[in-house]
Amino acid sequence: MTIVLTGPATLDATRISLVSSRLQGVIAKMRVDRNDRVEQGEIIAEIITDDLKSELGASQASVEAAHKAVDLAIADRKHAEAALANARQNFDRKKMLLEKTIASQESYDAAVATLRQAEADFDRSKAAIEQARALEASAAATAEVQRVKLEEGTIHAPFDGVVISRDHYVGDTITPGSEIVQLVDTASIILSARFDESSISRLSPGQKAVIRFNGGGRGASIMATVLRIGRQVDTETREFSVDLRPDTLPPNWALGQRGMTTIEIGTRKGVLAVSAAAIERRQGKPGVWIVDSGRAYWIAVTLGDAGGLFVEVVKGLQPGDVILSEPRDVYFGMKIAEGGARR
């Protein structure tokens, strides 16, 4: 007998993105709708950004003006450098002539003053270049901020996936953080199943499972594999979760969809088992109807593992006992014909 565990499961995903905007504005275009498949980088929506375009244009003009100011400051430095070189030559000449008593003290003093003025002008020209370059860097940084803001007006898909919800339309005003669409990576879809904590030691990654979704129909059952075992038990229900990776997805699926999962946990030989339909509970205790001397009698049994449509009986039955496989309206001592038919 193949031993299985059965428990409720819910369709979920580990990679879900609530695609939103960092800007406040009005949606100009919506490029996707529910159920659309998108690729990473594909445009989701566009926001009206006329104000940002104007601000970026002004910032770029400031950058150009700052660049010209740097060029002008460099030209001024070259002029101050030439003036300084000329003042030094004149000073050296006046000094030599003064030593030969050819030049007057007044002309020498004038040369000294001119040299000092030229040196001061040269130092100021260097400081002017540094200031101009600092203003250019500030203008460039402002323009970059405006450019990034403008790019944020176009919303892109963060990864390949399927749009599962859409909350806004063209003309809607959105604020930073407002969800525009919800995107799910189909490769990250899992089924989260729940089992009693007594079963945790019997499960391990790689075990095969079957998922049967509520509602039946085409694609209602799919194969899956145990992906991981939860490490936390609910303190109220005493259940833990198991994530299963589906081999395929049904034609129609939705996150939150419910189903039942059956996981194969091993095989047993020489097991005494009965059909699950033969079990009838009385006051919460399981039992079966046996046929003895042509009459039906209900007896309590102790159940073990389940295996598909069968349940192991560990106590209460003996091999060869005849039971009613699907008892209906049976009462104690009812006559049962050979083969299980009523009399």
Protein backbone atom coordinates (compact mmCIF):
# COMPACT_ATOMS: atom_id res chain seq x y z
CA MET A 1 0.00 0.00 0.00
CA THR A 2 1.26 3.46 -0.88
CA ILE A 3 1.20 5.65 2.24
CA VAL A 4 0.04 9.23 1.70
CA LEU A 5 -0.66 12.38 3.65
CA THR A 6 -3.56 14.61 2.70
CA GLY A 7 -4.06 18.23 3.63
CA PRO A 8 -5.51 21.53 2.37
CA ALA A 9 -3.36 23.66 0.07
CA THR A 10 -3.47 27.23 -1.20
CA LEU A 11 -1.93 28.60 -4.40
CA ASP A 12 0.65 31.27 -3.58
CA ALA A 13 3.84 32.84 -4.94
CA THR A 14 7.14 33.86 -3.40
CA ARG A 15 7.85 36.70 -5.86
CA ILE A 16 5.08 39.26 -6.02
CA SER A 17 5.59 42.95 -6.77
CA LEU A 18 3.18 45.79 -6.06
CA VAL A 19 4.31 48.05 -8.91
CA SER A 20 3.95 51.69 -7.88
CA SER A 21 5.22 55.17 -8.68
CA ARG A 22 7.67 57.32 -6.77
CA LEU A 23 6.06 60.44 -8.17
CA GLN A 24 2.76 62.18 -7.68
CA GLY A 25 0.98 62.82 -10.92
CA VAL A 26 -1.67 61.88 -13.46
CA ILE A 27 -1.44 58.66 -15.45
CA ALA A 28 -1.01 59.50 -19.14
CA LYS A 29 -0.79 55.95 -20.52
CA MET A 30 -1.44 52.42 -19.28
CA ARG A 31 0.39 49.82 -21.35
CA VAL A 32 -0.84 46.64 -19.61
CA ASP A 33 -4.03 45.09 -18.25
CA ARG A 34 -4.98 42.13 -16.06
CA ASN A 35 -3.64 38.75 -17.20
CA ASP A 36 -1.08 40.34 -19.53
CA ARG A 37 2.36 38.75 -19.59
CA VAL A 38 5.22 41.24 -19.38
CA GLU A 39 8.98 41.05 -19.62
CA GLN A 40 11.48 42.70 -17.31
CA GLY A 41 11.89 46.36 -18.26
CA GLU A 42 8.66 46.53 -20.24
CA ILE A 43 6.72 49.77 -19.74
CA ILE A 44 3.76 49.41 -17.36
CA ALA A 45 2.52 53.00 -17.27
CA GLU A 46 3.55 56.59 -18.00
CA ILE A 47 2.88 59.63 -15.84
CA ILE A 48 2.47 63.21 -17.11
CA THR A 49 5.84 64.88 -16.46
CA ASP A 50 5.65 68.24 -18.27
CA ASP A 51 6.76 70.14 -15.16
CA LEU A 52 9.73 67.85 -14.70
CA LYS A 53 10.73 68.30 -18.34
CA SER A 54 10.73 72.08 -17.85
CA GLU A 55 12.76 71.78 -14.66
CA LEU A 56 15.26 69.51 -16.40
CA GLY A 57 15.57 71.98 -19.28
CA ALA A 58 16.29 74.80 -16.82
CA SER A 59 18.84 72.67 -14.99
CA GLN A 60 20.61 71.76 -18.21
CA ALA A 61 20.75 75.47 -19.13
CA SER A 62 22.33 76.16 -15.74
CA VAL A 63 24.92 73.48 -16.42
CA GLU A 64 25.80 75.08 -19.75
CA ALA A 65 26.05 78.52 -18.16
CA ALA A 66 28.25 77.13 -15.38
CA HIS A 67 30.49 75.46 -17.97
CA LYS A 68 30.94 78.78 -19.79
CA ALA A 69 31.72 80.45 -16.48
CA VAL A 70 34.53 77.93 -15.96
CA ASP A 71 35.94 78.69 -19.43
CA LEU A 72 35.81 82.41 -18.68
CA ALA A 73 37.56 81.93 -15.35
CA ILE A 74 40.31 79.91 -17.05
CA ALA A 75 40.77 82.69 -19.62
CA ASP A 76 41.02 85.27 -16.81
CA ARG A 77 43.67 83.14 -15.15
CA LYS A 78 45.72 83.04 -18.33
CA HIS A 79 45.48 86.83 -18.55
CA ALA A 80 46.48 87.18 -14.88
CA GLU A 81 49.36 84.75 -15.43
CA ALA A 82 50.66 86.83 -18.34
CA ALA A 83 50.33 90.03 -16.31
CA LEU A 84 52.20 88.42 -13.42
CA ALA A 85 55.04 87.32 -15.70
CA ASN A 86 55.33 90.86 -17.11
CA ALA A 87 55.27 92.39 -13.60
CA ARG A 88 58.10 90.10 -12.50
CA GLN A 89 60.25 91.01 -15.48
CA ASN A 90 59.67 94.71 -14.82
CA PHE A 91 60.46 94.26 -11.14
CA ASP A 92 63.72 92.40 -11.90
CA ARG A 93 64.76 95.13 -14.34
CA LYS A 94 63.94 97.97 -11.93
CA LYS A 95 65.80 96.21 -9.15
CA MET A 96 68.93 95.84 -11.30
CA LEU A 97 68.76 99.47 -12.41
CA LEU A 98 68.27 100.64 -8.82
CA GLU A 99 71.37 98.75 -7.76
CA LYS A 100 73.30 100.57 -10.53
CA THR A 101 71.73 103.85 -9.39
CA ILE A 102 70.25 104.24 -12.85
CA ALA A 103 66.60 103.95 -11.76
CA SER A 104 64.96 105.98 -9.02
CA GLN A 105 63.58 104.61 -5.79
CA GLU A 106 60.10 105.72 -6.85
CA SER A 107 60.14 103.65 -10.05
CA TYR A 108 61.37 100.63 -8.09
CA ASP A 109 58.56 101.01 -5.53
CA ALA A 110 56.05 101.26 -8.36
CA ALA A 111 57.39 97.98 -9.84
CA VAL A 112 57.03 96.28 -6.43
CA ALA A 113 53.41 97.42 -6.13
CA THR A 114 52.61 96.29 -9.65
CA LEU A 115 54.14 92.86 -8.93
CA ARG A 116 52.14 92.43 -5.74
CA GLN A 117 48.93 93.44 -7.53
CA ALA A 118 49.64 90.93 -10.30
CA GLU A 119 50.26 88.16 -7.76
CA ALA A 120 46.99 88.97 -6.00
CA ASP A 121 45.10 89.00 -9.31
CA PHE A 122 46.59 85.60 -10.20
CA ASP A 123 45.55 84.09 -6.85
CA ARG A 124 42.03 85.46 -7.30
CA SER A 125 41.83 83.98 -10.77
CA LYS A 126 42.70 80.53 -9.41
CA ALA A 127 40.04 80.84 -6.69
CA ALA A 128 37.53 81.98 -9.33
CA ILE A 129 38.17 78.80 -11.33
CA GLU A 130 37.58 76.61 -8.28
CA GLN A 131 34.37 78.46 -7.50
CA ALA A 132 33.15 78.19 -11.08
CA ARG A 133 33.88 74.48 -11.16
CA ALA A 134 32.03 73.99 -7.86
CA LEU A 135 28.99 75.79 -9.30
CA GLU A 136 29.23 73.65 -12.45
CA ALA A 137 29.28 70.46 -10.36
CA SER A 138 26.28 71.64 -8.33
CA ALA A 139 24.33 72.47 -11.50
CA ALA A 140 25.19 69.08 -13.00
CA ALA A 141 24.05 67.30 -9.83
CA THR A 142 20.74 69.18 -9.89
CA ALA A 143 20.24 68.27 -13.53
CA GLU A 144 20.95 64.62 -12.78
CA VAL A 145 18.34 64.63 -10.01
CA GLN A 146 15.81 66.12 -12.41
CA ARG A 147 16.73 63.55 -15.07
CA VAL A 148 16.22 60.66 -12.63
CA LYS A 149 12.86 62.10 -11.55
CA LEU A 150 11.82 62.39 -15.18
CA GLU A 151 12.76 58.74 -15.81
CA GLU A 152 10.67 57.73 -12.78
CA GLY A 153 7.65 59.00 -14.69
CA THR A 154 7.90 55.84 -16.80
CA ILE A 155 7.06 52.75 -14.76
CA HIS A 156 8.82 49.53 -15.81
CA ALA A 157 8.22 45.87 -14.94
CA PRO A 158 10.80 44.72 -12.34
CA PHE A 159 10.79 41.13 -13.65
CA ASP A 160 9.07 38.76 -16.09
CA GLY A 161 5.60 37.92 -14.89
CA VAL A 162 1.82 38.14 -15.19
CA VAL A 163 -0.32 41.12 -14.20
CA ILE A 164 -2.86 39.78 -11.70
CA SER A 165 -4.49 43.06 -10.68
CA ARG A 166 -4.80 46.63 -11.93
CA ASP A 167 -5.97 49.41 -9.63
CA HIS A 168 -5.61 52.57 -11.77
CA TYR A 169 -6.53 53.86 -15.20
CA VAL A 170 -5.60 56.70 -17.55
CA GLY A 171 -6.44 60.02 -15.94
CA ASP A 172 -6.15 58.77 -12.37
CA THR A 173 -4.05 60.85 -10.00
CA ILE A 174 -1.60 58.74 -8.04
CA THR A 175 0.63 59.46 -5.09
CA PRO A 176 4.05 58.02 -4.27
CA GLY A 177 3.66 54.38 -3.29
CA SER A 178 0.19 53.97 -4.83
CA GLU A 179 -0.14 50.50 -6.33
CA ILE A 180 -0.69 50.62 -10.09
CA VAL A 181 -0.60 46.92 -10.88
CA GLN A 182 0.33 43.73 -9.05
CA LEU A 183 2.81 41.49 -10.81
CA VAL A 184 3.59 37.85 -10.03
CA ASP A 185 6.49 35.77 -11.29
CA THR A 186 4.86 32.52 -12.45
CA ALA A 187 8.15 30.67 -11.91
CA SER A 188 7.81 31.42 -8.19
CA ILE A 189 4.29 30.00 -7.81
CA ILE A 190 3.99 27.40 -5.06
CA LEU A 191 1.26 25.55 -3.22
CA SER A 192 1.29 26.02 0.52
CA ALA A 193 -0.18 22.95 2.24
CA ARG A 194 -0.90 22.39 5.95
CA PHE A 195 -0.47 19.21 7.97
CA ASP A 196 -0.70 18.18 11.62
CA GLU A 197 2.60 18.49 13.49
CA SER A 198 2.63 14.71 14.05
CA SER A 199 3.50 14.27 10.36
CA ILE A 200 6.54 16.54 10.21
CA SER A 201 9.11 13.74 10.54
CA ARG A 202 7.59 11.86 7.60
CA LEU A 203 8.05 14.63 5.06
CA SER A 204 11.14 15.67 3.14
CA PRO A 205 11.95 17.75 0.04
CA GLY A 206 11.64 15.87 -3.23
CA GLN A 207 8.59 13.77 -2.36
CA LYS A 208 5.92 13.59 -5.04
CA ALA A 209 2.43 14.98 -4.58
CA VAL A 210 -0.87 15.43 -6.37
CA ILE A 211 -2.88 18.63 -6.05
CA ARG A 212 -6.63 18.55 -6.68
CA PHE A 213 -8.22 21.96 -6.94
CA ASN A 214 -11.73 22.68 -5.80
CA GLY A 215 -14.31 22.78 -8.53
CA GLY A 216 -12.95 19.90 -10.61
CA GLY A 217 -12.99 20.18 -14.37
CA ARG A 218 -10.14 20.18 -16.86
CA GLY A 219 -6.76 20.70 -15.24
CA ALA A 220 -8.19 20.26 -11.75
CA SER A 221 -5.35 17.89 -10.77
CA ILE A 222 -1.65 18.58 -11.21
CA MET A 223 1.57 16.93 -10.09
CA ALA A 224 3.90 18.68 -7.65
CA THR A 225 7.08 18.14 -5.66
CA VAL A 226 7.78 19.02 -2.02
CA LEU A 227 10.03 22.09 -2.08
CA ARG A 228 10.58 22.80 1.61
CA ILE A 229 9.21 22.02 5.06
CA GLY A 230 8.06 24.85 7.28
CA ARG A 231 9.98 25.42 10.51
CA GLN A 232 7.13 26.88 12.53
CA VAL A 233 4.04 25.21 13.99
CA ASP A 234 0.86 27.21 14.54
CA THR A 235 0.31 27.36 18.29
CA GLU A 236 -3.47 27.15 17.91
CA THR A 237 -4.03 24.61 15.13
CA ARG A 238 -0.79 22.66 15.78
CA GLU A 239 -0.23 22.58 12.03
CA PHE A 240 2.87 23.38 9.99
CA SER A 241 3.18 24.39 6.34
CA VAL A 242 4.78 22.61 3.41
CA ASP A 243 5.63 24.40 0.15
CA LEU A 244 5.20 22.39 -3.04
CA ARG A 245 6.49 23.28 -6.50
CA PRO A 246 3.89 22.45 -9.19
CA ASP A 247 5.15 20.68 -12.31
CA THR A 248 2.65 22.68 -14.35
CA LEU A 249 -0.14 25.16 -13.75
CA PRO A 250 -3.79 24.51 -14.61
CA PRO A 251 -5.18 26.41 -17.62
CA ASN A 252 -7.00 28.73 -15.24
CA TRP A 253 -5.40 29.61 -11.92
CA ALA A 254 -5.59 32.35 -9.32
CA LEU A 255 -3.54 33.15 -6.26
CA GLY A 256 -5.39 32.07 -3.15
CA GLN A 257 -7.06 29.20 -5.00
CA ARG A 258 -7.75 26.26 -2.69
CA GLY A 259 -7.23 22.57 -3.18
CA MET A 260 -6.21 19.33 -1.50
CA THR A 261 -2.73 17.91 -1.66
CA THR A 262 -1.82 14.23 -1.39
CA ILE A 263 1.85 13.49 -0.74
CA GLU A 264 3.36 10.03 -1.14
CA ILE A 265 5.50 9.31 1.92
CA GLY A 266 6.32 5.63 1.33
CA THR A 267 5.03 2.13 0.65
CA ARG A 268 4.08 -0.68 3.03
CA LYS A 269 3.63 -4.39 2.37
CA GLY A 270 1.47 -6.85 4.30
CA VAL A 271 -0.84 -4.07 5.53
CA LEU A 272 -4.44 -4.82 6.53
CA ALA A 273 -6.43 -2.03 4.91
CA VAL A 274 -10.04 -1.23 4.10
CA SER A 275 -11.74 1.21 1.78
CA ALA A 276 -12.16 4.67 3.26
CA ALA A 277 -15.82 4.42 2.29
CA ALA A 278 -16.22 1.45 4.66
CA ILE A 279 -15.35 3.56 7.72
CA GLU A 280 -18.32 4.73 9.77
CA ARG A 281 -17.78 6.84 12.86
CA ARG A 282 -19.88 6.64 15.99
CA GLN A 283 -19.40 9.28 18.66
CA GLY A 284 -16.18 10.21 16.93
CA LYS A 285 -14.76 6.68 16.97
CA PRO A 286 -14.00 4.92 13.66
CA GLY A 287 -15.46 1.48 12.97
CA VAL A 288 -16.59 -0.88 10.25
CA TRP A 289 -19.55 -3.16 9.68
CA ILE A 290 -18.53 -6.83 9.65
CA VAL A 291 -20.67 -9.70 8.45
CA ASP A 292 -20.81 -12.65 10.82
CA SER A 293 -23.20 -15.57 10.30
CA GLY A 294 -25.13 -13.54 7.76
CA ARG A 295 -25.72 -10.57 10.03
CA ALA A 296 -24.08 -7.13 10.25
CA TYR A 297 -22.30 -5.89 13.35
CA TRP A 298 -20.48 -2.58 13.85
CA ILE A 299 -17.10 -2.86 15.58
CA ALA A 300 -14.61 -0.19 16.55
CA VAL A 301 -11.22 -0.20 14.83
CA THR A 302 -7.95 1.65 15.23
CA LEU A 303 -6.80 3.31 12.03
CA GLY A 304 -3.26 3.81 10.84
CA ASP A 305 -1.88 5.43 7.71
CA ALA A 306 -3.95 6.39 4.69
CA GLY A 307 -3.10 5.28 1.19
CA GLY A 308 -5.19 6.69 -1.61
CA LEU A 309 -8.71 5.27 -1.27
CA PHE A 310 -7.66 2.90 1.51
CA VAL A 311 -6.93 3.24 5.21
CA GLU A 312 -4.75 0.97 7.31
CA VAL A 313 -6.45 -0.87 10.19
CA VAL A 314 -3.97 -1.61 12.96
CA LYS A 315 -6.46 -3.03 15.48
CA GLY A 316 -9.97 -4.51 15.44
CA LEU A 317 -9.93 -6.64 12.27
CA GLN A 318 -8.40 -9.93 11.28
CA PRO A 319 -7.45 -11.12 7.84
CA GLY A 320 -10.42 -12.85 6.25
CA ASP A 321 -13.06 -10.76 8.04
CA VAL A 322 -15.94 -9.82 5.77
CA ILE A 323 -16.95 -6.16 5.89
CA LEU A 324 -19.47 -3.97 4.14
CA SER A 325 -17.53 -1.79 1.72
CA GLU A 326 -20.16 0.98 1.53
CA PRO A 327 -22.63 0.65 4.41
CA ARG A 328 -25.85 2.61 3.98
CA ASP A 329 -28.66 2.61 6.57
CA VAL A 330 -27.28 -0.55 8.16
CA TYR A 331 -28.44 -1.47 11.65
CA PHE A 332 -27.13 -3.88 14.23
CA GLY A 333 -28.03 -7.48 13.41
CA MET A 334 -29.33 -6.73 9.91
CA LYS A 335 -29.40 -9.82 7.73
CA ILE A 336 -26.84 -9.70 4.95
CA ALA A 337 -26.99 -12.13 2.04
CA GLU A 338 -23.86 -13.75 0.69
CA GLY A 339 -21.84 -11.21 -1.25
CA GLY A 340 -22.92 -8.34 1.02
CA ALA A 341 -26.48 -7.84 -0.23
CA ARG A 342 -29.25 -7.15 2.27
CA ARG A 343 -32.13 -9.51 2.84
